[in-house]
């Protein structure tokens, strides 16, 4: 099971690694992948949502005036987004309008469109997201002299203008999903073994910043689809411990265990998921699948 399933995942990953951009056209479900300019977003079919949200947004004039005085504090922006993503459709047109109000050179805005399929989750064909901790989109990363000075993740805490001001002036701006920020830094600095050994202490820290069962669930899927299996496993386990009475963490962990080849553990977690959500047809179907001879 383990070898065949992981091989299937590998085969289904982008077959055009190294490609800079792709456009997938299926009826009513077009999407961009890889590197694109803002002009492409302003053309059909993406113009339908881009123009609507661009026209409807009025940047805060007082904040824009303050930003004009501080815009030299960042010299470029990297934007990861999904043309399939509701948050991206809302925030990206607003952001571009703000940048135009600032007279920011949009040639210094690098737009990277990522996928949402299981095999290529939050990934681009050229893997520009690698090492960037892109777990939610849109993610706006602000750079100065080649280094990151901060980011806005998925949506601003107050508004794009206010969040940008805090980011470039305050220097201690914390984006959404603090739990992922914490865990990602621990993985970078100490490795997965450290998290496993210090799981209980880390859980205490996570309880103060993680409020939703979806936060670590999404992060785990990003790691899983990138074949960071040990990292994904501990993230799914932490999520189960944080939300012991929720079905989703057990379901995600069970699927991970099944695909990784540990059918007995998978069955235990999937059965617990079904106890918590007895009408969930997806869990029932997955349990039936792994119990097939």
Protein backbone atom coordinates (compact mmCIF):
# COMPACT_ATOMS: atom_id res chain seq x y z
CA UNK A 1 0.00 0.00 0.00
CA UNK A 2 2.67 2.48 1.04
CA UNK A 3 4.91 2.11 -2.01
CA UNK A 4 2.11 2.03 -4.58
CA UNK A 5 0.22 4.98 -3.08
CA UNK A 6 3.27 7.20 -2.70
CA UNK A 7 4.30 6.29 -6.25
CA UNK A 8 0.85 7.36 -7.43
CA UNK A 9 1.26 10.70 -5.66
CA UNK A 10 4.66 11.21 -7.26
CA UNK A 11 3.35 10.46 -10.74
CA UNK A 12 0.46 12.89 -10.29
CA UNK A 13 2.70 15.76 -9.26
CA UNK A 14 3.52 18.45 -11.78
CA UNK A 15 5.06 16.75 -14.82
CA UNK A 16 6.44 20.07 -16.05
CA UNK A 17 8.78 20.90 -13.18
CA UNK A 18 10.84 23.91 -14.10
CA UNK A 19 8.05 25.45 -16.18
CA UNK A 20 7.47 29.10 -15.37
CA UNK A 21 3.74 29.27 -16.02
CA UNK A 22 0.74 27.16 -16.94
CA UNK A 23 -2.90 27.89 -17.67
CA UNK A 24 -5.35 25.07 -17.13
CA UNK A 25 -8.56 25.51 -19.11
CA UNK A 26 -11.54 23.38 -18.27
CA UNK A 27 -15.14 24.45 -18.69
CA UNK A 28 -15.92 26.97 -15.98
CA UNK A 29 -12.82 26.06 -13.97
CA UNK A 30 -9.87 27.93 -15.48
CA UNK A 31 -6.82 28.48 -13.33
CA UNK A 32 -3.34 29.97 -13.59
CA UNK A 33 -0.26 28.22 -12.22
CA UNK A 34 3.25 29.56 -11.83
CA UNK A 35 4.57 33.02 -12.68
CA UNK A 36 2.12 35.57 -14.08
CA UNK A 37 1.80 39.33 -14.31
CA UNK A 38 -1.03 41.35 -12.82
CA UNK A 39 -2.18 42.17 -16.37
CA UNK A 40 -3.20 38.53 -16.88
CA UNK A 41 -5.46 38.74 -13.85
CA UNK A 42 -7.13 41.78 -15.36
CA UNK A 43 -8.05 39.89 -18.54
CA UNK A 44 -10.76 37.29 -19.18
CA UNK A 45 -11.82 35.06 -17.56
CA UNK A 46 -10.24 36.31 -14.30
CA UNK A 47 -11.35 39.90 -14.96
CA UNK A 48 -14.86 38.95 -13.81
CA UNK A 49 -13.79 38.84 -10.16
CA UNK A 50 -10.72 41.06 -10.45
CA UNK A 51 -12.52 44.13 -11.78
CA UNK A 52 -15.46 43.72 -9.40
CA UNK A 53 -13.26 43.68 -6.29
CA UNK A 54 -10.83 46.27 -7.63
CA UNK A 55 -13.58 48.78 -8.39
CA UNK A 56 -15.41 48.18 -5.11
CA UNK A 57 -12.39 48.86 -2.89
CA UNK A 58 -11.53 52.35 -1.68
CA UNK A 59 -8.08 52.49 -0.07
CA UNK A 60 -7.89 54.47 3.17
CA UNK A 61 -6.50 57.82 2.09
CA UNK A 62 -4.89 58.75 5.42
CA UNK A 63 -3.11 55.40 5.65
CA UNK A 64 -2.05 55.60 2.00
CA UNK A 65 -0.55 59.03 2.65
CA UNK A 66 1.47 57.61 5.55
CA UNK A 67 2.51 54.64 3.44
CA UNK A 68 3.75 56.93 0.68
CA UNK A 69 6.24 58.34 3.17
CA UNK A 70 7.42 54.87 4.19
CA UNK A 71 7.18 52.86 0.96
CA UNK A 72 10.97 52.84 0.59
CA UNK A 73 11.04 50.53 3.62
CA UNK A 74 10.24 47.69 1.20
CA UNK A 75 11.50 47.41 -2.35
CA UNK A 76 9.68 44.36 -3.72
CA UNK A 77 6.75 42.04 -2.96
CA UNK A 78 6.25 38.35 -3.71
CA UNK A 79 2.61 37.29 -3.87
CA UNK A 80 1.47 33.68 -3.69
CA UNK A 81 -2.17 33.28 -4.66
CA UNK A 82 -4.73 30.95 -6.21
CA UNK A 83 -7.05 32.03 -9.00
CA UNK A 84 -9.42 29.40 -7.55
CA UNK A 85 -9.26 30.90 -4.04
CA UNK A 86 -11.98 33.18 -2.67
CA UNK A 87 -9.58 35.03 -0.36
CA UNK A 88 -7.19 35.66 -3.25
CA UNK A 89 -10.01 36.90 -5.46
CA UNK A 90 -10.97 39.39 -2.76
CA UNK A 91 -7.58 40.57 -1.46
CA UNK A 92 -5.36 40.59 -4.56
CA UNK A 93 -7.36 43.22 -6.53
CA UNK A 94 -7.48 45.35 -3.37
CA UNK A 95 -3.74 44.99 -2.88
CA UNK A 96 -2.92 45.96 -6.46
CA UNK A 97 -5.16 49.02 -6.15
CA UNK A 98 -3.30 50.02 -2.98
CA UNK A 99 0.04 49.56 -4.73
CA UNK A 100 -1.11 51.76 -7.60
CA UNK A 101 -2.22 54.42 -5.09
CA UNK A 102 1.32 54.29 -3.70
CA UNK A 103 2.79 54.61 -7.22
CA UNK A 104 4.60 51.36 -6.51
CA UNK A 105 6.30 49.88 -9.57
CA UNK A 106 4.26 46.75 -10.25
CA UNK A 107 7.22 45.25 -12.09
CA UNK A 108 8.57 44.67 -8.57
CA UNK A 109 5.50 42.61 -7.67
CA UNK A 110 6.18 38.93 -8.37
CA UNK A 111 2.95 36.94 -8.65
CA UNK A 112 3.06 33.15 -8.26
CA UNK A 113 -0.13 31.14 -8.70
CA UNK A 114 -0.36 27.83 -6.83
CA UNK A 115 -2.52 24.75 -7.21
CA UNK A 116 -5.15 23.21 -4.92
CA UNK A 117 -5.09 19.56 -6.00
CA UNK A 118 -4.04 17.05 -3.36
CA UNK A 119 -0.83 16.08 -5.15
CA UNK A 120 0.30 19.68 -5.75
CA UNK A 121 -1.37 21.42 -2.82
CA UNK A 122 -0.24 25.08 -2.54
CA UNK A 123 2.54 24.36 -5.05
CA UNK A 124 3.58 25.97 -8.33
CA UNK A 125 5.10 24.17 -11.34
CA UNK A 126 8.52 25.77 -10.72
CA UNK A 127 8.28 25.13 -6.95
CA UNK A 128 8.87 28.80 -6.12
CA UNK A 129 6.98 28.21 -2.86
CA UNK A 130 9.59 25.71 -1.63
CA UNK A 131 11.00 26.78 1.72
CA UNK A 132 8.63 29.77 1.90
CA UNK A 133 6.04 28.24 4.30
CA UNK A 134 3.13 28.92 1.97
CA UNK A 135 0.18 27.26 3.70
CA UNK A 136 -2.54 29.85 3.03
CA UNK A 137 -3.22 32.09 0.07
CA UNK A 138 -2.94 34.85 -0.66
CA UNK A 139 0.40 35.39 1.07
CA UNK A 140 2.06 38.78 0.50
CA UNK A 141 5.80 38.72 1.33
CA UNK A 142 7.53 42.09 1.64
CA UNK A 143 11.26 42.33 0.87
CA UNK A 144 13.99 44.86 1.51
CA UNK A 145 17.50 44.41 0.09
CA UNK A 146 16.68 40.82 -0.83
CA UNK A 147 15.44 39.78 2.61
CA UNK A 148 11.94 39.27 3.97
CA UNK A 149 10.76 41.94 6.40
CA UNK A 150 7.27 40.51 6.95
CA UNK A 151 4.17 39.03 5.37
CA UNK A 152 0.39 39.26 5.34
CA UNK A 153 -1.21 35.81 5.29
CA UNK A 154 -4.63 35.10 3.75
CA UNK A 155 -6.23 38.35 4.92
CA UNK A 156 -5.18 41.45 6.83
CA UNK A 157 -5.91 41.65 10.54
CA UNK A 158 -7.37 45.15 10.15
CA UNK A 159 -6.95 46.33 6.56
CA UNK A 160 -4.23 46.02 3.95
CA UNK A 161 -3.17 49.62 4.54
CA UNK A 162 -3.06 49.35 8.35
CA UNK A 163 -1.33 45.99 8.29
CA UNK A 164 1.29 47.24 5.82
CA UNK A 165 1.98 50.25 8.04
CA UNK A 166 2.45 48.04 11.09
CA UNK A 167 4.62 45.67 9.11
CA UNK A 168 7.02 48.23 7.67
CA UNK A 169 7.10 50.63 10.62
CA UNK A 170 6.53 48.54 13.74
CA UNK A 171 8.80 45.67 12.78
CA UNK A 172 6.97 43.19 15.05
CA UNK A 173 3.87 42.49 12.97
CA UNK A 174 2.60 38.92 13.41
CA UNK A 175 0.54 37.52 10.52
CA UNK A 176 -2.46 35.25 10.89
CA UNK A 177 -1.93 31.61 11.95
CA UNK A 178 0.62 32.07 14.71
CA UNK A 179 0.60 28.35 15.43
CA UNK A 180 1.99 27.61 11.97
CA UNK A 181 4.60 30.35 12.40
CA UNK A 182 5.71 28.73 15.67
CA UNK A 183 5.85 25.19 14.33
CA UNK A 184 7.56 26.14 11.08
CA UNK A 185 10.32 27.92 13.01
CA UNK A 186 10.75 24.96 15.34
CA UNK A 187 11.11 22.63 12.34
CA UNK A 188 13.72 24.95 10.80
CA UNK A 189 15.69 25.50 13.99
CA UNK A 190 15.40 22.15 15.77
CA UNK A 191 13.89 19.56 13.44
CA UNK A 192 10.94 17.21 13.77
CA UNK A 193 12.65 15.13 16.47
CA UNK A 194 12.63 18.11 18.82
CA UNK A 195 8.88 18.59 18.36
CA UNK A 196 8.23 14.90 19.03
CA UNK A 197 10.36 14.94 22.20
CA UNK A 198 8.81 18.17 23.49
CA UNK A 199 5.28 17.55 22.29
CA UNK A 200 3.50 18.33 25.58
CA UNK A 201 5.29 21.64 26.15
CA UNK A 202 4.68 22.67 22.56
CA UNK A 203 0.99 21.76 22.91
CA UNK A 204 0.73 24.22 25.82
CA UNK A 205 2.13 26.96 23.58
CA UNK A 206 -0.16 26.05 20.69
CA UNK A 207 -3.27 26.20 22.88
CA UNK A 208 -2.68 29.93 23.36
CA UNK A 209 -2.53 30.72 19.62
CA UNK A 210 -4.47 28.03 17.71
CA UNK A 211 -8.24 28.43 17.81
CA UNK A 212 -9.34 26.44 14.75
CA UNK A 213 -9.02 22.77 13.81
CA UNK A 214 -8.34 23.89 10.24
CA UNK A 215 -5.11 25.81 10.93
CA UNK A 216 -2.76 22.87 11.50
CA UNK A 217 -4.84 20.61 9.25
CA UNK A 218 -4.00 22.77 6.24
CA UNK A 219 -0.36 23.05 7.28
CA UNK A 220 -0.14 19.26 7.58
CA UNK A 221 -1.53 18.80 4.08
CA UNK A 222 1.03 21.24 2.67
CA UNK A 223 3.84 19.23 4.27
CA UNK A 224 2.28 15.92 3.22
CA UNK A 225 1.91 16.90 -0.43
CA UNK A 226 5.55 18.04 -0.39
CA UNK A 227 6.59 14.55 0.85
CA UNK A 228 7.75 15.92 4.21
CA UNK A 229 6.13 12.88 5.78
CA UNK A 230 7.64 12.93 9.27
CA UNK A 231 6.85 16.63 9.62
CA UNK A 232 3.29 16.14 8.38
CA UNK A 233 2.74 13.22 10.78
CA UNK A 234 3.57 15.18 13.93
CA UNK A 235 1.52 18.17 12.78
CA UNK A 236 -1.54 15.96 12.26
CA UNK A 237 -0.97 14.35 15.66
CA UNK A 238 -0.69 17.72 17.39
CA UNK A 239 -3.93 18.80 15.77
CA UNK A 240 -5.67 15.68 17.06
CA UNK A 241 -4.43 16.41 20.58
CA UNK A 242 -5.52 20.04 20.35
CA UNK A 243 -9.03 19.11 19.19
CA UNK A 244 -9.76 15.66 20.67
CA UNK A 245 -13.51 15.98 20.22
CA UNK A 246 -13.47 17.04 16.57
CA UNK A 247 -13.78 14.56 13.71
CA UNK A 248 -11.58 16.34 11.13
CA UNK A 249 -8.19 15.90 12.87
CA UNK A 250 -8.78 12.15 13.26
CA UNK A 251 -9.91 11.84 9.66
CA UNK A 252 -6.85 13.69 8.32
CA UNK A 253 -4.46 11.73 10.50
CA UNK A 254 -6.14 8.46 9.51
CA UNK A 255 -5.81 9.21 5.80
CA UNK A 256 -2.17 10.16 6.30
CA UNK A 257 -1.49 6.90 8.14
CA UNK A 258 -3.28 4.86 5.47
CA UNK A 259 -1.37 6.44 2.60
CA UNK A 260 1.86 6.04 4.57
CA UNK A 261 1.12 2.34 4.94
CA UNK A 262 0.10 2.04 8.62
CA UNK A 263 -3.35 0.56 8.12
CA UNK A 264 -3.93 -0.51 11.73
CA UNK A 265 -3.31 2.99 13.12
CA UNK A 266 -5.34 4.44 10.29
CA UNK A 267 -8.31 2.25 11.14
CA UNK A 268 -8.23 3.33 14.80
CA UNK A 269 -8.21 7.04 13.96
CA UNK A 270 -10.78 6.75 11.20
CA UNK A 271 -13.14 4.81 13.45
CA UNK A 272 -12.80 7.54 16.08
CA UNK A 273 -13.49 10.15 13.38
CA UNK A 274 -16.67 8.25 12.47
CA UNK A 275 -17.75 8.09 16.13
CA UNK A 276 -17.54 11.88 16.26
CA UNK A 277 -19.28 12.36 12.90
CA UNK A 278 -21.44 9.26 12.33
CA UNK A 279 -23.15 10.67 9.25
CA UNK A 280 -19.96 11.60 7.40
CA UNK A 281 -20.02 9.63 4.14
CA UNK A 282 -16.41 10.48 3.27
CA UNK A 283 -15.12 8.82 6.43
CA UNK A 284 -17.32 5.77 5.84
CA UNK A 285 -16.07 5.45 2.28
CA UNK A 286 -12.43 5.76 3.32
CA UNK A 287 -12.84 3.13 6.04
CA UNK A 288 -14.43 0.78 3.51
CA UNK A 289 -11.59 1.46 1.10
CA UNK A 290 -8.79 0.53 3.50
CA UNK A 291 -10.66 -2.55 4.67
CA UNK A 292 -10.88 -3.95 1.15
CA UNK A 293 -8.74 -7.08 0.62
